[in-house]
Amino acid sequence: MRFSTLFFTAVTAFFAVGVQASPVDSPEVNIIARTPYFHGNAVCYYPNGNYGACGWVLQNSDFVIALSPAHWDNGVHCGQHLNVTYNGKNIDGIVGDICSACAPRSNLYLLGRV
């Protein structure tokens, strides 16, 4: 009888502690919606060591892409990777600038190396 009383007390205490435990917040996960493709024109440009709109210096040898104003969205895409495909060839570039001269939804500027 004493064993069952101790067992019942231990089980009750275990569940009471579990019920009183507060939940732990999990870190937020930033999920980026991916578009299967973007159809438009790509234009090559050379920044020659100037700062891009994302705030870092861009060299002509960097794999950086400048987005049109329609896709810029206040720079939320800075540092994101884009895969550019043309004639069966793929190149991975990083968003690092805005293309102010690009048509509203049709162009990307690719740095010299991209």
N, C-alpha and C. Protein backbone atom coordinates (compact mmCIF):
# COMPACT_ATOMS: atom_id res chain seq x y z
N MET A 1 0.82 -1.19 0.00
CA MET A 1 0.00 0.00 0.00
C MET A 1 0.87 1.26 0.00
N ARG A 2 1.92 1.22 0.79
CA ARG A 2 2.80 2.37 0.86
C ARG A 2 3.46 2.62 -0.50
N PHE A 3 3.87 1.55 -1.22
CA PHE A 3 4.48 1.69 -2.54
C PHE A 3 3.54 2.36 -3.52
N SER A 4 2.27 1.94 -3.55
CA SER A 4 1.31 2.53 -4.49
C SER A 4 1.02 3.98 -4.14
N THR A 5 1.05 4.34 -2.87
CA THR A 5 0.84 5.73 -2.47
C THR A 5 2.02 6.58 -2.93
N LEU A 6 3.25 6.08 -2.75
CA LEU A 6 4.43 6.81 -3.21
C LEU A 6 4.44 6.92 -4.73
N PHE A 7 4.08 5.84 -5.41
CA PHE A 7 4.03 5.85 -6.87
C PHE A 7 3.02 6.87 -7.37
N PHE A 8 1.82 6.87 -6.77
CA PHE A 8 0.77 7.81 -7.15
C PHE A 8 1.23 9.25 -6.92
N THR A 9 1.90 9.51 -5.80
CA THR A 9 2.40 10.84 -5.48
C THR A 9 3.47 11.28 -6.48
N ALA A 10 4.37 10.36 -6.84
CA ALA A 10 5.43 10.68 -7.79
C ALA A 10 4.86 10.99 -9.17
N VAL A 11 3.90 10.19 -9.62
CA VAL A 11 3.27 10.42 -10.93
C VAL A 11 2.51 11.74 -10.93
N THR A 12 1.79 12.02 -9.86
CA THR A 12 1.04 13.27 -9.76
C THR A 12 1.99 14.46 -9.78
N ALA A 13 3.10 14.38 -9.06
CA ALA A 13 4.08 15.47 -9.04
C ALA A 13 4.69 15.67 -10.42
N PHE A 14 4.97 14.57 -11.12
CA PHE A 14 5.55 14.66 -12.46
C PHE A 14 4.63 15.41 -13.40
N PHE A 15 3.35 15.05 -13.41
CA PHE A 15 2.40 15.71 -14.29
C PHE A 15 2.13 17.15 -13.87
N ALA A 16 2.16 17.42 -12.57
CA ALA A 16 1.95 18.80 -12.10
C ALA A 16 3.08 19.70 -12.57
N VAL A 17 4.31 19.22 -12.53
CA VAL A 17 5.44 20.00 -13.02
C VAL A 17 5.32 20.21 -14.51
N GLY A 18 4.91 19.19 -15.24
CA GLY A 18 4.75 19.30 -16.69
C GLY A 18 3.68 20.30 -17.07
N VAL A 19 2.60 20.36 -16.31
CA VAL A 19 1.51 21.28 -16.61
C VAL A 19 1.92 22.71 -16.31
N GLN A 20 2.76 22.91 -15.28
CA GLN A 20 3.17 24.25 -14.89
C GLN A 20 4.30 24.79 -15.75
N ALA A 21 4.96 23.96 -16.52
CA ALA A 21 6.07 24.43 -17.33
C ALA A 21 5.57 25.40 -18.39
N SER A 22 6.32 26.47 -18.57
CA SER A 22 5.92 27.45 -19.57
C SER A 22 6.52 27.08 -20.92
N PRO A 23 5.83 27.38 -21.99
CA PRO A 23 6.35 27.05 -23.31
C PRO A 23 7.57 27.89 -23.65
N VAL A 24 8.45 27.33 -24.42
CA VAL A 24 9.65 28.02 -24.86
C VAL A 24 9.40 28.54 -26.27
N ASP A 25 9.71 29.82 -26.49
CA ASP A 25 9.54 30.39 -27.82
C ASP A 25 10.59 29.82 -28.76
N SER A 26 10.16 29.40 -29.92
CA SER A 26 11.11 28.93 -30.91
C SER A 26 11.54 30.12 -31.76
N PRO A 27 12.76 30.09 -32.29
CA PRO A 27 13.21 31.22 -33.11
C PRO A 27 12.37 31.34 -34.37
N GLU A 28 12.18 32.58 -34.78
CA GLU A 28 11.41 32.81 -36.01
C GLU A 28 12.22 32.33 -37.21
N VAL A 29 11.53 31.78 -38.16
CA VAL A 29 12.17 31.32 -39.37
C VAL A 29 11.69 32.20 -40.51
N ASN A 30 12.64 32.77 -41.23
CA ASN A 30 12.31 33.63 -42.35
C ASN A 30 12.21 32.76 -43.60
N ILE A 31 11.00 32.53 -44.05
CA ILE A 31 10.78 31.71 -45.23
C ILE A 31 10.58 32.63 -46.42
N ILE A 32 11.40 32.46 -47.41
CA ILE A 32 11.34 33.31 -48.59
C ILE A 32 10.57 32.57 -49.67
N ALA A 33 9.51 33.19 -50.13
CA ALA A 33 8.74 32.58 -51.21
C ALA A 33 9.58 32.62 -52.48
N ARG A 34 9.63 31.51 -53.16
CA ARG A 34 10.44 31.43 -54.38
C ARG A 34 9.54 31.44 -55.59
N THR A 35 9.90 32.25 -56.54
CA THR A 35 9.20 32.29 -57.82
C THR A 35 9.92 31.32 -58.74
N PRO A 36 9.18 30.49 -59.45
CA PRO A 36 9.85 29.51 -60.31
C PRO A 36 10.72 30.14 -61.39
N TYR A 37 10.30 31.28 -61.91
CA TYR A 37 11.13 31.95 -62.90
C TYR A 37 10.71 33.40 -63.05
N PHE A 38 11.64 34.18 -63.53
CA PHE A 38 11.42 35.59 -63.85
C PHE A 38 11.85 35.74 -65.29
N HIS A 39 11.01 36.28 -66.10
CA HIS A 39 11.30 36.41 -67.51
C HIS A 39 11.56 37.87 -67.82
N GLY A 40 12.72 38.18 -68.33
CA GLY A 40 13.03 39.57 -68.65
C GLY A 40 14.39 39.67 -69.32
N ASN A 41 14.90 40.87 -69.37
CA ASN A 41 16.18 41.15 -70.01
C ASN A 41 17.27 41.30 -68.96
N ALA A 42 18.46 40.84 -69.30
CA ALA A 42 19.62 41.03 -68.43
C ALA A 42 20.59 41.97 -69.12
N VAL A 43 21.09 42.93 -68.38
CA VAL A 43 22.02 43.92 -68.91
C VAL A 43 23.27 43.87 -68.04
N CYS A 44 24.43 43.95 -68.65
CA CYS A 44 25.68 43.91 -67.92
C CYS A 44 26.09 45.33 -67.52
N TYR A 45 26.62 45.48 -66.30
CA TYR A 45 27.16 46.78 -65.89
C TYR A 45 28.39 46.57 -65.02
N TYR A 46 29.18 47.62 -64.88
CA TYR A 46 30.44 47.56 -64.14
C TYR A 46 30.43 48.63 -63.06
N PRO A 47 30.37 48.24 -61.78
CA PRO A 47 30.30 49.22 -60.69
C PRO A 47 31.64 49.87 -60.34
N ASN A 48 32.74 49.27 -60.77
CA ASN A 48 34.07 49.84 -60.58
C ASN A 48 34.40 50.22 -59.14
N GLY A 49 34.02 49.37 -58.19
CA GLY A 49 34.37 49.61 -56.79
C GLY A 49 33.47 50.57 -56.04
N ASN A 50 32.35 50.95 -56.61
CA ASN A 50 31.40 51.84 -55.93
C ASN A 50 30.48 51.04 -55.01
N TYR A 51 29.82 51.74 -54.10
CA TYR A 51 28.87 51.10 -53.21
C TYR A 51 27.58 50.79 -53.94
N GLY A 52 27.02 49.59 -53.68
CA GLY A 52 25.71 49.24 -54.19
C GLY A 52 24.65 49.67 -53.19
N ALA A 53 23.40 49.58 -53.57
CA ALA A 53 22.30 50.01 -52.72
C ALA A 53 22.17 49.17 -51.45
N CYS A 54 22.75 47.98 -51.42
CA CYS A 54 22.70 47.14 -50.22
C CYS A 54 23.76 47.55 -49.19
N GLY A 55 24.65 48.46 -49.56
CA GLY A 55 25.59 49.00 -48.59
C GLY A 55 26.99 48.46 -48.61
N TRP A 56 27.34 47.61 -49.55
CA TRP A 56 28.72 47.14 -49.62
C TRP A 56 29.34 47.50 -50.96
N VAL A 57 30.67 47.51 -50.99
CA VAL A 57 31.42 47.87 -52.19
C VAL A 57 31.29 46.74 -53.20
N LEU A 58 31.00 47.11 -54.45
CA LEU A 58 30.84 46.13 -55.53
C LEU A 58 32.01 46.23 -56.49
N GLN A 59 32.63 45.09 -56.72
CA GLN A 59 33.73 45.02 -57.68
C GLN A 59 33.23 44.40 -58.97
N ASN A 60 33.89 44.70 -60.06
CA ASN A 60 33.49 44.15 -61.36
C ASN A 60 33.59 42.63 -61.40
N SER A 61 34.38 42.05 -60.52
CA SER A 61 34.56 40.59 -60.49
C SER A 61 33.54 39.88 -59.61
N ASP A 62 32.67 40.62 -58.92
CA ASP A 62 31.68 40.01 -58.03
C ASP A 62 30.53 39.37 -58.81
N PHE A 63 29.93 38.36 -58.21
CA PHE A 63 28.73 37.73 -58.78
C PHE A 63 27.51 38.41 -58.15
N VAL A 64 27.25 39.65 -58.54
CA VAL A 64 26.18 40.45 -57.95
C VAL A 64 25.15 40.83 -59.00
N ILE A 65 23.89 40.88 -58.56
CA ILE A 65 22.77 41.22 -59.43
C ILE A 65 22.07 42.45 -58.86
N ALA A 66 21.68 43.37 -59.74
CA ALA A 66 20.90 44.54 -59.35
C ALA A 66 19.46 44.31 -59.80
N LEU A 67 18.52 44.50 -58.89
CA LEU A 67 17.10 44.31 -59.20
C LEU A 67 16.48 45.59 -59.73
N SER A 68 15.43 45.43 -60.51
CA SER A 68 14.66 46.59 -60.97
C SER A 68 13.92 47.19 -59.78
N PRO A 69 13.52 48.47 -59.86
CA PRO A 69 12.79 49.10 -58.76
C PRO A 69 11.52 48.33 -58.37
N ALA A 70 10.87 47.69 -59.34
CA ALA A 70 9.64 46.95 -59.05
C ALA A 70 9.90 45.74 -58.16
N HIS A 71 11.10 45.19 -58.20
CA HIS A 71 11.45 44.02 -57.39
C HIS A 71 12.29 44.38 -56.17
N TRP A 72 12.71 45.62 -56.03
CA TRP A 72 13.63 46.04 -54.98
C TRP A 72 13.03 45.87 -53.59
N ASP A 73 11.80 46.31 -53.38
CA ASP A 73 11.07 46.15 -52.12
C ASP A 73 11.87 46.64 -50.90
N ASN A 74 12.39 47.85 -51.01
CA ASN A 74 13.16 48.50 -49.93
C ASN A 74 14.37 47.69 -49.48
N GLY A 75 14.94 46.90 -50.37
CA GLY A 75 16.17 46.18 -50.07
C GLY A 75 16.03 44.89 -49.30
N VAL A 76 14.82 44.38 -49.15
CA VAL A 76 14.66 43.14 -48.38
C VAL A 76 15.34 41.94 -49.03
N HIS A 77 15.69 42.04 -50.30
CA HIS A 77 16.32 40.92 -51.00
C HIS A 77 17.84 40.99 -50.99
N CYS A 78 18.41 42.01 -50.34
CA CYS A 78 19.87 42.13 -50.28
C CYS A 78 20.49 40.85 -49.72
N GLY A 79 21.48 40.33 -50.42
CA GLY A 79 22.17 39.13 -49.98
C GLY A 79 21.52 37.82 -50.40
N GLN A 80 20.33 37.88 -50.98
CA GLN A 80 19.68 36.64 -51.41
C GLN A 80 20.28 36.17 -52.74
N HIS A 81 20.31 34.87 -52.90
CA HIS A 81 20.85 34.27 -54.12
C HIS A 81 19.78 34.17 -55.20
N LEU A 82 20.18 34.48 -56.42
CA LEU A 82 19.32 34.29 -57.59
C LEU A 82 20.06 33.42 -58.58
N ASN A 83 19.34 32.52 -59.21
CA ASN A 83 19.90 31.69 -60.25
C ASN A 83 19.43 32.23 -61.59
N VAL A 84 20.39 32.62 -62.43
CA VAL A 84 20.07 33.18 -63.74
C VAL A 84 20.39 32.12 -64.79
N THR A 85 19.42 31.85 -65.66
CA THR A 85 19.59 30.85 -66.72
C THR A 85 19.43 31.51 -68.07
N TYR A 86 20.37 31.24 -68.96
CA TYR A 86 20.29 31.74 -70.33
C TYR A 86 20.95 30.73 -71.25
N ASN A 87 20.23 30.32 -72.27
CA ASN A 87 20.73 29.34 -73.25
C ASN A 87 21.28 28.08 -72.57
N GLY A 88 20.58 27.61 -71.54
CA GLY A 88 20.97 26.39 -70.87
C GLY A 88 22.09 26.53 -69.86
N LYS A 89 22.63 27.73 -69.67
CA LYS A 89 23.71 27.95 -68.71
C LYS A 89 23.15 28.62 -67.47
N ASN A 90 23.59 28.17 -66.29
CA ASN A 90 23.13 28.71 -65.02
C ASN A 90 24.25 29.43 -64.30
N ILE A 91 23.91 30.57 -63.72
CA ILE A 91 24.85 31.35 -62.91
C ILE A 91 24.13 31.75 -61.64
N ASP A 92 24.80 31.59 -60.51
CA ASP A 92 24.24 32.00 -59.22
C ASP A 92 24.83 33.36 -58.86
N GLY A 93 23.97 34.32 -58.59
CA GLY A 93 24.41 35.66 -58.19
C GLY A 93 23.72 36.09 -56.91
N ILE A 94 24.24 37.13 -56.28
CA ILE A 94 23.69 37.66 -55.04
C ILE A 94 23.14 39.05 -55.30
N VAL A 95 21.95 39.33 -54.78
CA VAL A 95 21.35 40.65 -54.92
C VAL A 95 22.17 41.63 -54.08
N GLY A 96 22.68 42.69 -54.74
CA GLY A 96 23.51 43.66 -54.04
C GLY A 96 23.27 45.09 -54.44
N ASP A 97 22.33 45.33 -55.37
CA ASP A 97 22.14 46.69 -55.85
C ASP A 97 20.75 46.83 -56.46
N ILE A 98 20.37 48.08 -56.69
CA ILE A 98 19.13 48.39 -57.40
C ILE A 98 19.51 48.97 -58.75
N CYS A 99 18.74 48.62 -59.75
CA CYS A 99 18.96 49.12 -61.10
C CYS A 99 17.96 50.23 -61.36
N SER A 100 18.33 51.45 -61.05
CA SER A 100 17.40 52.57 -61.20
C SER A 100 16.97 52.79 -62.65
N ALA A 101 17.83 52.43 -63.59
CA ALA A 101 17.52 52.66 -65.01
C ALA A 101 16.71 51.53 -65.63
N CYS A 102 16.50 50.44 -64.89
CA CYS A 102 15.77 49.30 -65.45
C CYS A 102 14.29 49.63 -65.63
N ALA A 103 13.71 49.04 -66.66
CA ALA A 103 12.27 49.18 -66.87
C ALA A 103 11.56 48.56 -65.67
N PRO A 104 10.35 48.99 -65.38
CA PRO A 104 9.69 48.59 -64.14
C PRO A 104 9.73 47.11 -63.79
N ARG A 105 9.50 46.20 -64.68
CA ARG A 105 9.46 44.79 -64.27
C ARG A 105 10.22 43.88 -65.23
N SER A 106 11.09 44.42 -66.04
CA SER A 106 11.61 43.55 -67.09
C SER A 106 13.10 43.31 -67.07
N ASN A 107 13.86 43.99 -66.24
CA ASN A 107 15.31 43.87 -66.37
C ASN A 107 16.01 43.53 -65.07
N LEU A 108 17.17 42.91 -65.22
CA LEU A 108 18.14 42.71 -64.16
C LEU A 108 19.46 43.27 -64.66
N TYR A 109 20.23 43.88 -63.79
CA TYR A 109 21.59 44.27 -64.13
C TYR A 109 22.52 43.22 -63.54
N LEU A 110 23.42 42.72 -64.35
CA LEU A 110 24.38 41.72 -63.91
C LEU A 110 25.76 42.34 -63.91
N LEU A 111 26.49 42.20 -62.81
CA LEU A 111 27.85 42.70 -62.79
C LEU A 111 28.68 41.94 -63.80
N GLY A 112 29.76 42.55 -64.22
CA GLY A 112 30.60 42.01 -65.29
C GLY A 112 30.87 40.53 -65.23
N ARG A 113 31.16 39.97 -64.06
CA ARG A 113 31.50 38.55 -63.97
C ARG A 113 30.29 37.65 -64.12
N VAL A 114 29.11 38.11 -63.70
CA VAL A 114 27.91 37.29 -63.82
C VAL A 114 27.57 37.18 -65.28
